[in-house]
Amino acid sequence: MKKTLSLIIALALLMGAKAFAQELEWEWRGLTTNDEFYEINTPYETSDGRILVTGRTGYLEDCYSFNRWYKPTPTLMSLSSDGEELFQRQYHKDGYFTYVPYVLENSSGEVFLFITYSPHHDTCSPNYFRNFDPPTDHCIFGLYKLNDDLSIAESHELEIPIDTFEWRNNNQLMHYNCGQLLPISAFVDDDGNIVGAYVRTVSYDPYKPRGYDSTVFFRMDFEGNILNHKSYCGNRSSGAMQRHLQSHIVKADSLYLFYGYKYDIVGDESNLAYLDHDFNLVRTRNFRHPSSVHPATNFYFQSMSVVRSPHGTTYLTCALDSNDDNWYHAILYEYNDDVNGSGNYTPIVRYADRKSEGHCLDWPVDWSGVQVLGDSTIYYAYTLHQDWFQRGDSWIVIEHLTPEFNTISTVFFGEENDRKSYWAYGITATEDGGVVLVSWELDLLNDVKMNVVRKYPANALVGIDEAHANGLKVAIAYPNPGKETLNIRTGLKDARVEVYDMSGRMVYGQEITEDVTSIDAEGWPAGVYVWRVMANGREAESGKWIKEQPQTK
């Protein structure tokens, strides 16, 4: 009788996590083919409740036995408040390529795009500017007012001369080695004008350096008039220029704060600049990790996203190379960047380090990884991968945190052994307290690529039943399959984890005290196990875990 009951319990555990309805507020899905890419990034909620999603489109061509993306073009899509696709447009210019545009909205609710266009150096053609005759010698700085159908109603453009030299090695060229205009940030200031920054790069030449890149800060009105601007020359000649795309300028009381990479700002090694409203430099400082591994530099910061807190500090998310095991930490920092603070280093108020155990990679959202809600709590999003090469399980993680970074709730999107890889690209907190998540999914079995936009209601991050009703988990297990260690990850408090073999015998149990509970499974026989997390006297989550036979030495 006991054995029969144990088997019933084990089967029930296998079904437990699947028994909830998988519903969410709404979902939009868009297919990306193998020869055309559509990369969507940052969601923006307009004052009339629409969701605008920026991105880029492009084409894949074979050139010199390598695949290269061709003609990257800015794209914008609008979704209704209930997730229906309304319009989608590309803003292509012959002879140019571009990065992701910025959405801006004036006080009247009119929508604008800020876009920079750079000369398109064709990597697949020996004449460099295929179909672009004569080739352009300038970039375009553009502000575009949009109609409701996302067509351009008004266009305001400036032509900025650029260095079009290109150096090729065996006919190979990467776009970021050539002179271009890279947008950094753009937002609407308290006076109703646009404040932003861009980087103007020089072309790369290993034999004769062509000068240094410069960072330009600007203020403009919605008629496209530049009200004031200031340029700073850095210490870097063009190279890995993608880093500029993850620098940020934010408003801080009477100053602007520019979070950038070393050498980008004013020629010294600082990476935080304080600017007055005329963009004059007030002072510089460094922001750093609390680790002795990287104590005084942000050289190892990747995928930065920055937002101002309601209490005069700055939240910054990044991926940090651990420098010891080739895995990354997704980290949320709070910096006390008061201009009057002493010292060359910006003090860290607190931080949340989401380094995984069990050889997993935590990677923050590239474009908007942290959002502040009206009650001053925080949404923090990142991606958890089992390995670099996307062979194992992956999840998108959304944490709801107090202003002190204490966990209110943690939810996970993904399934064990579903052979899909997930990447989170952007989140935004909506006026109703919900969250819009933009992600990219790859079906590893069928090589199907999808862009996905999901809207979760506020209660999806409130409780266990609410998370399940929205297709989310409150606990996960990894690596799966595994050999020596089973990790249970959850944000639940006052919880317990239990593991059963297939006969229903409990082989492990303990109280959960950390975000990640690492269980030594080295002595367990190979086979299938059932894990479950109990909270408040009930099952919160469960699933299968496969113990592989360890390799003999």
Protein backbone atom coordinates (compact mmCIF):
# COMPACT_ATOMS: atom_id res chain seq x y z
CA MET A 1 0.00 0.00 0.00
CA LYS A 2 2.81 2.41 0.88
CA LYS A 3 4.59 1.67 -2.40
CA THR A 4 1.40 2.27 -4.41
CA LEU A 5 0.81 5.54 -2.57
CA SER A 6 4.41 6.60 -3.24
CA LEU A 7 4.00 5.95 -6.95
CA ILE A 8 0.81 8.01 -6.99
CA ILE A 9 2.65 10.84 -5.24
CA ALA A 10 5.52 10.68 -7.74
CA LEU A 11 3.15 10.78 -10.71
CA ALA A 12 1.25 13.64 -9.14
CA LEU A 13 4.49 15.55 -8.71
CA LEU A 14 5.34 15.09 -12.37
CA MET A 15 2.00 16.60 -13.35
CA GLY A 16 1.78 19.21 -10.62
CA ALA A 17 3.51 22.12 -12.33
CA LYS A 18 1.57 21.51 -15.57
CA ALA A 19 -1.86 21.51 -13.99
CA PHE A 20 -2.31 25.27 -14.10
CA ALA A 21 -3.81 27.13 -17.03
CA GLN A 22 -1.18 28.87 -19.17
CA GLU A 23 -2.74 32.24 -19.87
CA LEU A 24 -1.36 35.76 -19.93
CA GLU A 25 -2.80 39.15 -20.74
CA TRP A 26 -1.65 39.03 -24.37
CA GLU A 27 1.16 37.83 -26.62
CA TRP A 28 2.46 38.87 -30.05
CA ARG A 29 4.78 36.57 -32.05
CA GLY A 30 6.71 37.33 -35.22
CA LEU A 31 8.77 34.87 -37.28
CA THR A 32 12.36 35.62 -38.32
CA THR A 33 13.56 33.66 -41.36
CA ASN A 34 17.06 32.37 -42.02
CA ASP A 35 17.82 34.95 -44.73
CA GLU A 36 16.10 37.95 -43.12
CA PHE A 37 16.33 39.11 -39.54
CA TYR A 38 13.91 41.24 -37.59
CA GLU A 39 15.42 42.24 -34.26
CA ILE A 40 13.09 43.98 -31.82
CA ASN A 41 14.35 45.60 -28.67
CA THR A 42 12.80 48.22 -26.45
CA PRO A 43 9.07 48.57 -25.69
CA TYR A 44 7.58 52.01 -25.01
CA GLU A 45 4.07 52.71 -23.69
CA THR A 46 2.52 55.85 -25.18
CA SER A 47 0.16 58.16 -23.33
CA ASP A 48 -2.80 56.67 -25.24
CA GLY A 49 -1.93 53.11 -24.15
CA ARG A 50 -0.28 51.77 -27.30
CA ILE A 51 2.93 49.74 -27.08
CA LEU A 52 5.64 50.81 -29.54
CA VAL A 53 8.51 48.38 -30.09
CA THR A 54 11.73 49.50 -31.79
CA GLY A 55 14.02 47.24 -33.77
CA ARG A 56 16.02 46.67 -36.93
CA THR A 57 15.52 44.55 -40.04
CA GLY A 58 18.17 43.27 -42.40
CA TYR A 59 19.15 40.54 -44.81
CA LEU A 60 21.67 37.73 -44.68
CA GLU A 61 24.00 37.29 -47.63
CA ASP A 62 26.91 34.98 -48.30
CA CYS A 63 30.09 36.90 -48.98
CA TYR A 64 33.62 35.53 -49.15
CA SER A 65 32.35 32.24 -47.65
CA PHE A 66 30.99 34.07 -44.60
CA ASN A 67 27.45 35.15 -43.78
CA ARG A 68 27.05 38.89 -43.30
CA TRP A 69 24.04 41.00 -42.33
CA TYR A 70 23.14 43.43 -45.08
CA LYS A 71 21.29 46.76 -44.97
CA PRO A 72 20.26 47.02 -41.30
CA THR A 73 17.19 49.28 -41.30
CA PRO A 74 15.36 50.88 -38.34
CA THR A 75 11.90 49.43 -37.70
CA LEU A 76 8.98 50.37 -35.48
CA MET A 77 5.86 48.36 -34.61
CA SER A 78 2.76 49.50 -32.77
CA LEU A 79 0.50 47.21 -30.74
CA SER A 80 -2.84 48.11 -29.23
CA SER A 81 -3.37 47.99 -25.47
CA ASP A 82 -4.68 44.44 -25.91
CA GLY A 83 -1.75 43.25 -28.05
CA GLU A 84 -3.21 43.53 -31.55
CA GLU A 85 -0.63 44.53 -34.18
CA LEU A 86 -1.66 47.86 -35.64
CA PHE A 87 1.21 48.93 -37.90
CA GLN A 88 4.81 48.05 -38.66
CA ARG A 89 7.16 50.22 -40.69
CA GLN A 90 10.76 50.34 -41.85
CA TYR A 91 12.63 53.62 -42.30
CA HIS A 92 15.16 52.66 -44.96
CA LYS A 93 17.54 55.06 -46.67
CA ASP A 94 19.57 53.95 -49.70
CA GLY A 95 23.27 54.02 -48.98
CA TYR A 96 22.86 53.98 -45.19
CA PHE A 97 22.60 51.56 -42.31
CA THR A 98 21.53 52.30 -38.78
CA TYR A 99 21.03 51.12 -35.23
CA VAL A 100 17.88 50.88 -33.14
CA PRO A 101 15.93 54.19 -33.03
CA TYR A 102 14.68 56.00 -29.92
CA VAL A 103 10.97 56.70 -29.35
CA LEU A 104 10.09 60.14 -27.99
CA GLU A 105 6.73 61.70 -27.13
CA ASN A 106 5.99 65.38 -26.65
CA SER A 107 3.53 66.92 -24.21
CA SER A 108 0.74 66.74 -26.82
CA GLY A 109 1.12 62.98 -27.18
CA GLU A 110 2.76 63.19 -30.62
CA VAL A 111 5.29 60.42 -31.31
CA PHE A 112 8.75 60.99 -32.76
CA LEU A 113 11.74 58.84 -33.69
CA PHE A 114 15.36 59.85 -33.18
CA ILE A 115 17.53 57.99 -35.73
CA THR A 116 21.13 58.28 -36.90
CA TYR A 117 22.13 56.94 -40.32
CA SER A 118 25.72 56.07 -41.27
CA PRO A 119 27.21 55.28 -44.71
CA HIS A 120 26.62 51.63 -45.55
CA HIS A 121 29.95 49.97 -46.32
CA ASP A 122 28.98 46.82 -48.17
CA THR A 123 30.98 43.93 -46.72
CA CYS A 124 29.91 41.64 -49.56
CA SER A 125 31.16 43.74 -52.46
CA PRO A 126 34.74 44.56 -53.53
CA ASN A 127 33.71 48.06 -54.62
CA TYR A 128 32.68 48.85 -51.03
CA PHE A 129 29.54 50.82 -51.88
CA ARG A 130 27.55 48.50 -54.13
CA ASN A 131 24.52 50.26 -55.64
CA PHE A 132 25.44 53.47 -53.81
CA ASP A 133 26.98 55.61 -56.55
CA PRO A 134 28.27 58.08 -55.68
CA PRO A 135 28.88 56.88 -52.11
CA THR A 136 27.74 59.17 -49.35
CA ASP A 137 30.32 61.10 -47.34
CA HIS A 138 28.11 62.14 -44.43
CA CYS A 139 25.85 60.75 -41.71
CA ILE A 140 22.26 61.82 -41.08
CA PHE A 141 21.02 63.00 -37.69
CA GLY A 142 17.25 62.72 -37.95
CA LEU A 143 14.14 63.55 -35.92
CA TYR A 144 10.90 62.26 -37.45
CA LYS A 145 7.34 63.03 -36.39
CA LEU A 146 5.02 60.06 -36.98
CA ASN A 147 1.38 59.71 -37.88
CA ASP A 148 -0.80 57.20 -36.04
CA ASP A 149 0.01 54.65 -38.77
CA LEU A 150 3.76 55.23 -38.07
CA SER A 151 4.34 56.93 -41.43
CA ILE A 152 6.54 60.04 -41.36
CA ALA A 153 4.54 63.25 -41.05
CA GLU A 154 7.50 65.64 -40.62
CA SER A 155 11.22 65.10 -41.18
CA HIS A 156 14.02 67.12 -39.59
CA GLU A 157 17.51 66.09 -40.72
CA LEU A 158 21.07 67.33 -40.32
CA GLU A 159 23.99 66.14 -42.45
CA ILE A 160 27.17 65.50 -40.48
CA PRO A 161 30.43 64.83 -42.40
CA ILE A 162 32.06 61.50 -41.56
CA ASP A 163 35.30 59.67 -42.34
CA THR A 164 34.42 56.96 -44.89
CA PHE A 165 37.85 55.30 -45.08
CA GLU A 166 37.76 51.53 -44.75
CA TRP A 167 40.55 49.07 -44.13
CA ARG A 168 40.06 45.50 -45.28
CA ASN A 169 41.94 42.36 -44.38
CA ASN A 170 41.44 39.66 -47.02
CA ASN A 171 38.35 41.55 -48.14
CA GLN A 172 36.78 41.23 -44.70
CA LEU A 173 35.23 44.33 -43.15
CA MET A 174 33.05 44.89 -40.10
CA HIS A 175 30.75 47.93 -40.12
CA TYR A 176 31.95 49.23 -36.78
CA ASN A 177 35.51 49.68 -38.14
CA CYS A 178 34.33 52.58 -40.32
CA GLY A 179 33.35 56.11 -39.40
CA GLN A 180 29.75 56.39 -38.25
CA LEU A 181 27.27 58.13 -35.98
CA LEU A 182 26.16 56.01 -33.01
CA PRO A 183 23.15 57.06 -30.90
CA ILE A 184 23.63 56.77 -27.13
CA SER A 185 20.56 58.18 -25.41
CA ALA A 186 17.60 60.46 -26.00
CA PHE A 187 14.87 61.52 -23.59
CA VAL A 188 12.43 64.39 -23.06
CA ASP A 189 13.61 66.76 -20.34
CA ASP A 190 11.47 68.71 -17.88
CA ASP A 191 11.40 71.74 -20.19
CA GLY A 192 9.82 69.68 -22.98
CA ASN A 193 12.95 69.56 -25.12
CA ILE A 194 14.97 66.53 -26.20
CA VAL A 195 18.29 65.82 -24.49
CA GLY A 196 20.58 63.18 -25.91
CA ALA A 197 24.02 62.13 -27.00
CA TYR A 198 25.72 60.39 -29.88
CA VAL A 199 29.26 59.24 -30.70
CA ARG A 200 30.99 60.23 -33.90
CA THR A 201 33.64 57.65 -34.71
CA VAL A 202 36.67 57.71 -36.95
CA SER A 203 37.59 54.88 -39.26
CA TYR A 204 39.99 52.18 -38.17
CA ASP A 205 43.43 52.11 -39.79
CA PRO A 206 46.10 49.90 -38.17
CA TYR A 207 48.92 51.64 -40.03
CA LYS A 208 47.95 55.30 -39.78
CA PRO A 209 45.53 56.23 -36.97
CA ARG A 210 42.91 58.66 -38.18
CA GLY A 211 42.17 60.50 -34.94
CA TYR A 212 39.86 59.92 -32.01
CA ASP A 213 36.17 59.39 -31.51
CA SER A 214 34.08 62.15 -29.98
CA THR A 215 30.96 62.21 -27.82
CA VAL A 216 28.42 64.93 -28.63
CA PHE A 217 25.72 66.03 -26.17
CA PHE A 218 22.77 67.99 -27.54
CA ARG A 219 19.49 69.67 -26.69
CA MET A 220 16.91 70.13 -29.43
CA ASP A 221 13.24 71.05 -29.72
CA PHE A 222 10.59 68.96 -31.46
CA GLU A 223 10.93 71.12 -34.59
CA GLY A 224 14.43 69.72 -35.07
CA ASN A 225 16.29 72.87 -33.96
CA ILE A 226 19.54 72.25 -32.09
CA LEU A 227 19.36 74.58 -29.08
CA ASN A 228 22.83 73.82 -27.78
CA HIS A 229 25.45 71.09 -28.04
CA LYS A 230 28.96 70.30 -26.86
CA SER A 231 31.53 67.81 -28.11
CA TYR A 232 34.21 65.97 -26.14
CA CYS A 233 37.08 64.10 -27.73
CA GLY A 234 37.93 60.79 -26.13
CA ASN A 235 41.12 58.76 -26.05
CA ARG A 236 39.88 55.94 -28.23
CA SER A 237 40.36 55.49 -31.94
CA SER A 238 37.65 53.41 -33.55
CA GLY A 239 37.62 49.71 -32.77
CA ALA A 240 34.97 47.82 -30.85
CA MET A 241 32.50 50.67 -31.14
CA GLN A 242 29.45 48.66 -30.12
CA ARG A 243 30.30 49.65 -26.55
CA HIS A 244 29.12 53.19 -27.22
CA LEU A 245 25.61 51.87 -27.77
CA GLN A 246 25.38 50.88 -24.11
CA SER A 247 26.41 54.22 -22.66
CA HIS A 248 23.67 56.33 -21.10
CA ILE A 249 22.83 59.91 -20.16
CA VAL A 250 20.26 60.46 -17.39
CA LYS A 251 18.83 63.48 -15.59
CA ALA A 252 19.86 64.10 -11.98
CA ASP A 253 18.32 67.26 -10.47
CA SER A 254 20.32 70.17 -11.87
CA LEU A 255 22.86 67.98 -13.68
CA TYR A 256 23.11 65.28 -16.33
CA LEU A 257 25.01 62.08 -15.61
CA PHE A 258 26.79 60.29 -18.42
CA TYR A 259 27.62 56.65 -17.75
CA GLY A 260 30.09 55.46 -20.37
CA TYR A 261 33.16 53.34 -20.98
CA LYS A 262 36.71 54.23 -20.13
CA TYR A 263 38.36 56.77 -22.45
CA ASP A 264 35.00 57.70 -24.02
CA ILE A 265 34.27 60.90 -22.16
CA VAL A 266 36.94 63.56 -21.89
CA GLY A 267 40.15 61.73 -22.61
CA ASP A 268 40.87 60.50 -19.11
CA GLU A 269 40.11 57.08 -17.62
CA SER A 270 36.89 58.07 -15.91
CA ASN A 271 33.58 56.52 -16.87
CA LEU A 272 31.06 58.79 -15.15
CA ALA A 273 30.78 62.43 -16.18
CA TYR A 274 28.74 65.14 -14.43
CA LEU A 275 27.51 67.80 -16.87
CA ASP A 276 25.58 71.01 -16.24
CA HIS A 277 22.57 71.91 -18.40
CA ASP A 278 24.86 73.54 -20.97
CA PHE A 279 26.84 70.27 -21.09
CA ASN A 280 29.90 71.78 -19.45
CA LEU A 281 31.92 69.22 -17.56
CA VAL A 282 31.61 69.62 -13.78
CA ARG A 283 33.63 66.60 -12.66
CA THR A 284 34.36 62.96 -13.48
CA ARG A 285 34.44 59.84 -11.35
CA ASN A 286 34.70 56.08 -11.72
CA PHE A 287 32.02 53.57 -10.90
CA ARG A 288 33.29 50.16 -10.06
CA HIS A 289 32.49 46.64 -8.94
CA PRO A 290 32.59 45.69 -5.26
CA SER A 291 34.83 42.78 -6.20
CA SER A 292 38.58 42.61 -5.74
CA VAL A 293 38.69 41.03 -9.21
CA HIS A 294 37.73 44.27 -10.97
CA PRO A 295 38.04 46.92 -8.25
CA ALA A 296 38.27 50.24 -10.05
CA THR A 297 37.17 49.99 -13.66
CA ASN A 298 34.08 49.29 -15.68
CA PHE A 299 36.06 47.76 -18.53
CA TYR A 300 34.34 44.48 -17.76
CA PHE A 301 30.83 45.97 -17.66
CA GLN A 302 28.75 44.71 -20.59
CA SER A 303 25.14 45.22 -21.66
CA MET A 304 24.65 48.22 -19.40
CA SER A 305 21.26 49.74 -18.80
CA VAL A 306 20.77 52.76 -16.52
CA VAL A 307 17.74 54.38 -14.88
CA ARG A 308 17.39 57.06 -12.21
CA SER A 309 15.84 56.03 -8.88
CA PRO A 310 13.14 58.11 -7.11
CA HIS A 311 15.51 58.90 -4.24
CA GLY A 312 18.44 60.56 -6.03
CA THR A 313 20.57 57.54 -6.86
CA THR A 314 21.15 55.54 -10.05
CA TYR A 315 20.30 51.92 -10.84
CA LEU A 316 22.65 50.23 -13.28
CA THR A 317 22.42 46.68 -14.63
CA CYS A 318 25.26 44.93 -16.38
CA ALA A 319 26.86 41.60 -17.20
CA LEU A 320 30.13 41.08 -15.37
CA ASP A 321 32.73 38.62 -16.59
CA SER A 322 33.69 36.68 -13.47
CA ASN A 323 37.25 36.42 -14.82
CA ASP A 324 37.74 33.07 -13.14
CA ASP A 325 35.39 30.55 -14.74
CA ASN A 326 34.32 32.28 -17.98
CA TRP A 327 30.77 32.70 -16.70
CA TYR A 328 28.93 35.94 -16.22
CA HIS A 329 27.04 37.58 -13.39
CA ALA A 330 23.91 39.62 -14.00
CA ILE A 331 24.25 42.44 -11.47
CA LEU A 332 21.96 45.25 -10.40
CA TYR A 333 23.80 48.15 -8.72
CA GLU A 334 22.60 51.23 -6.90
CA TYR A 335 25.19 54.03 -7.00
CA ASN A 336 25.22 57.11 -4.78
CA ASP A 337 26.39 59.48 -7.51
CA ASP A 338 25.79 62.76 -5.69
CA VAL A 339 28.02 65.33 -7.36
CA ASN A 340 29.19 66.60 -3.98
CA GLY A 341 30.39 63.21 -2.84
CA SER A 342 34.06 62.84 -2.03
CA GLY A 343 36.51 60.45 -3.65
CA ASN A 344 37.23 59.35 -7.19
CA TYR A 345 34.98 56.31 -7.00
CA THR A 346 31.20 56.42 -6.93
CA PRO A 347 29.98 54.72 -3.72
CA ILE A 348 27.86 51.60 -4.10
CA VAL A 349 24.75 51.78 -1.93
CA ARG A 350 23.81 48.12 -2.57
CA TYR A 351 23.93 45.52 -5.26
CA ALA A 352 22.22 42.26 -6.22
CA ASP A 353 24.60 39.70 -7.76
CA ARG A 354 22.77 37.00 -9.70
CA LYS A 355 25.73 34.75 -10.44
CA SER A 356 24.46 31.23 -11.07
CA GLU A 357 25.80 28.00 -9.70
CA GLY A 358 26.22 24.95 -11.87
CA HIS A 359 27.90 26.51 -14.91
CA CYS A 360 25.10 28.77 -16.00
CA LEU A 361 25.24 32.18 -17.59
CA ASP A 362 23.16 35.05 -16.22
CA TRP A 363 22.82 37.83 -18.79
CA PRO A 364 20.91 41.09 -18.19
CA VAL A 365 18.50 42.67 -20.62
CA ASP A 366 20.56 44.55 -23.20
CA TRP A 367 18.33 47.57 -23.71
CA SER A 368 16.17 48.12 -20.63
CA GLY A 369 16.87 45.71 -17.79
CA VAL A 370 15.53 47.67 -14.83
CA GLN A 371 12.29 49.62 -14.44
CA VAL A 372 10.98 51.64 -11.49
CA LEU A 373 7.28 51.41 -10.63
CA GLY A 374 5.09 54.16 -9.18
CA ASP A 375 5.42 52.71 -5.67
CA SER A 376 9.26 52.88 -5.98
CA THR A 377 9.59 49.09 -6.26
CA ILE A 378 11.66 47.66 -9.10
CA TYR A 379 11.28 45.20 -11.96
CA TYR A 380 14.64 43.60 -12.79
CA ALA A 381 14.93 41.24 -15.78
CA TYR A 382 17.70 39.00 -17.06
CA THR A 383 18.25 35.72 -18.91
CA LEU A 384 19.57 32.52 -17.38
CA HIS A 385 21.33 30.11 -19.76
CA GLN A 386 22.61 26.68 -18.88
CA ASP A 387 25.58 27.11 -21.22
CA TRP A 388 27.14 29.53 -23.70
CA PHE A 389 26.13 27.53 -26.76
CA GLN A 390 22.39 27.40 -26.06
CA ARG A 391 22.28 23.61 -25.88
CA GLY A 392 20.74 23.47 -22.45
CA ASP A 393 17.73 24.96 -20.75
CA SER A 394 17.27 28.71 -20.56
CA TRP A 395 14.83 30.97 -18.75
CA ILE A 396 13.83 34.60 -18.69
CA VAL A 397 13.77 35.85 -15.10
CA ILE A 398 11.74 38.82 -13.81
CA GLU A 399 12.28 39.90 -10.22
CA HIS A 400 10.07 42.30 -8.28
CA LEU A 401 12.26 43.99 -5.67
CA THR A 402 11.83 46.52 -2.90
CA PRO A 403 13.90 49.72 -3.11
CA GLU A 404 16.33 47.93 -0.75
CA PHE A 405 16.67 45.06 -3.31
CA ASN A 406 14.79 42.63 -1.09
CA THR A 407 12.82 40.07 -3.10
CA ILE A 408 9.06 40.53 -3.30
CA SER A 409 8.70 37.81 -5.94
CA THR A 410 10.65 36.05 -8.68
CA VAL A 411 9.10 34.43 -11.76
CA PHE A 412 10.63 32.40 -14.57
CA PHE A 413 9.52 31.92 -18.16
CA GLY A 414 10.61 28.69 -19.84
CA GLU A 415 10.32 24.90 -19.58
CA GLU A 416 12.84 22.22 -18.72
CA ASN A 417 14.09 20.28 -21.75
CA ASP A 418 11.92 22.22 -24.21
CA ARG A 419 14.93 22.64 -26.55
CA LYS A 420 14.37 26.37 -26.83
CA SER A 421 16.74 29.23 -26.13
CA TYR A 422 15.31 32.47 -24.76
CA TRP A 423 16.85 35.96 -24.71
CA ALA A 424 15.23 38.94 -23.00
CA TYR A 425 15.77 42.21 -24.87
CA GLY A 426 13.65 44.83 -23.12
CA ILE A 427 11.05 45.44 -20.45
CA THR A 428 8.85 48.35 -19.56
CA ALA A 429 6.58 48.85 -16.58
CA THR A 430 3.12 49.93 -17.75
CA GLU A 431 0.80 52.47 -16.16
CA ASP A 432 -1.46 49.71 -14.80
CA GLY A 433 1.45 48.12 -12.89
CA GLY A 434 2.00 45.34 -15.41
CA VAL A 435 5.11 44.65 -17.43
CA VAL A 436 5.74 44.29 -21.17
CA LEU A 437 8.58 41.90 -22.01
CA VAL A 438 10.31 41.75 -25.41
CA SER A 439 12.23 38.54 -26.09
CA TRP A 440 13.75 36.40 -28.81
CA GLU A 441 13.22 32.65 -28.96
CA LEU A 442 15.12 29.99 -30.90
CA ASP A 443 13.64 26.53 -31.38
CA LEU A 444 16.82 24.44 -31.42
CA LEU A 445 15.11 21.40 -32.96
CA ASN A 446 13.52 23.18 -35.94
CA ASP A 447 15.79 26.24 -36.17
CA VAL A 448 12.74 28.51 -35.94
CA LYS A 449 13.43 32.03 -34.67
CA MET A 450 10.70 34.14 -33.11
CA ASN A 451 10.38 37.68 -31.78
CA VAL A 452 7.88 37.73 -28.93
CA VAL A 453 6.16 40.53 -27.00
CA ARG A 454 4.23 39.53 -23.87
CA LYS A 455 2.14 41.63 -21.52
CA TYR A 456 1.90 40.37 -17.95
CA PRO A 457 -0.60 41.92 -15.52
CA ALA A 458 0.58 43.25 -12.19
CA ASN A 459 -0.76 40.24 -10.31
CA ALA A 460 1.42 37.85 -12.34
CA LEU A 461 4.24 38.70 -9.93
CA VAL A 462 2.10 38.61 -6.79
CA GLY A 463 1.51 34.94 -5.94
CA ILE A 464 2.03 31.32 -6.94
CA ASP A 465 -1.38 30.77 -8.53
CA GLU A 466 -1.20 34.10 -10.35
CA ALA A 467 2.24 33.27 -11.79
CA HIS A 468 1.06 29.86 -12.97
CA ALA A 469 -2.06 31.36 -14.54
CA ASN A 470 0.24 33.54 -16.65
CA GLY A 471 2.48 30.69 -17.80
CA LEU A 472 5.27 31.52 -15.33
CA LYS A 473 7.15 29.39 -12.82
CA VAL A 474 8.13 30.30 -9.28
CA ALA A 475 11.04 27.81 -9.07
CA ILE A 476 13.33 26.03 -11.54
CA ALA A 477 15.94 23.25 -11.45
CA TYR A 478 19.26 23.16 -13.31
CA PRO A 479 21.49 21.97 -14.86
CA ASN A 480 19.10 19.46 -16.38
CA PRO A 481 20.34 16.86 -17.12
CA GLY A 482 23.04 17.08 -14.47
CA LYS A 483 25.73 14.93 -12.91
CA GLU A 484 26.91 16.03 -9.47
CA THR A 485 24.81 19.03 -8.45
CA LEU A 486 21.11 19.87 -8.58
CA ASN A 487 20.39 23.59 -8.19
CA ILE A 488 16.94 24.79 -7.14
CA ARG A 489 16.38 28.48 -7.79
CA THR A 490 13.43 30.37 -6.33
CA GLY A 491 12.50 33.67 -4.73
CA LEU A 492 9.99 32.05 -2.36
CA LYS A 493 10.46 32.58 1.36
CA ASP A 494 9.70 30.08 4.14
CA ALA A 495 9.95 27.31 1.55
CA ARG A 496 11.28 23.78 1.50
CA VAL A 497 12.73 21.63 -1.29
CA GLU A 498 12.25 17.87 -1.49
CA VAL A 499 13.60 15.37 -4.03
CA TYR A 500 12.10 11.94 -4.72
CA ASP A 501 13.23 8.97 -6.77
CA MET A 502 10.77 7.27 -9.10
CA SER A 503 9.65 4.86 -6.41
CA GLY A 504 8.38 7.84 -4.44
CA ARG A 505 11.14 7.65 -1.80
CA MET A 506 12.36 11.03 -0.60
CA VAL A 507 16.13 11.17 -1.14
CA TYR A 508 16.67 14.75 -0.01
CA GLY A 509 14.92 17.55 1.87
CA GLN A 510 15.90 20.90 3.37
CA GLU A 511 14.63 24.37 4.14
CA ILE A 512 15.36 27.02 1.49
CA THR A 513 17.38 29.94 2.82
CA GLU A 514 19.04 31.30 -0.34
CA ASP A 515 17.97 32.22 -3.86
CA VAL A 516 19.89 29.18 -5.12
CA THR A 517 19.95 25.91 -3.17
CA SER A 518 22.75 23.63 -4.39
CA ILE A 519 22.17 19.94 -3.65
CA ASP A 520 25.00 17.41 -3.75
CA ALA A 521 23.73 14.57 -5.97
CA GLU A 522 27.05 12.91 -6.64
CA GLY A 523 26.14 9.76 -4.73
CA TRP A 524 22.72 9.30 -6.29
CA PRO A 525 22.19 6.57 -8.91
CA ALA A 526 21.67 7.75 -12.48
CA GLY A 527 18.02 8.12 -13.42
CA VAL A 528 14.97 10.37 -13.20
CA TYR A 529 14.10 12.25 -10.01
CA VAL A 530 11.21 14.45 -9.03
CA TRP A 531 11.80 17.71 -7.17
CA ARG A 532 9.22 19.88 -5.54
CA VAL A 533 9.23 23.18 -3.68
CA MET A 534 6.77 23.59 -0.82
CA ALA A 535 5.66 27.00 0.45
CA ASN A 536 2.97 27.93 2.96
CA GLY A 537 2.03 24.30 3.43
CA ARG A 538 1.41 23.58 -0.25
CA GLU A 539 3.26 22.61 -3.38
CA ALA A 540 4.50 25.70 -5.22
CA GLU A 541 6.43 24.11 -8.09
CA SER A 542 7.68 20.69 -9.18
CA GLY A 543 9.40 18.98 -12.07
CA LYS A 544 11.66 16.20 -13.30
CA TRP A 545 15.43 16.18 -12.98
CA ILE A 546 17.63 13.74 -14.88
CA LYS A 547 20.80 12.50 -13.17
CA GLU A 548 23.32 11.43 -15.81
CA GLN A 549 25.82 8.67 -15.31
CA PRO A 550 29.12 10.37 -14.47
CA GLN A 551 31.98 9.73 -16.86
CA THR A 552 34.52 7.17 -15.68
CA LYS A 553 38.02 8.48 -15.29
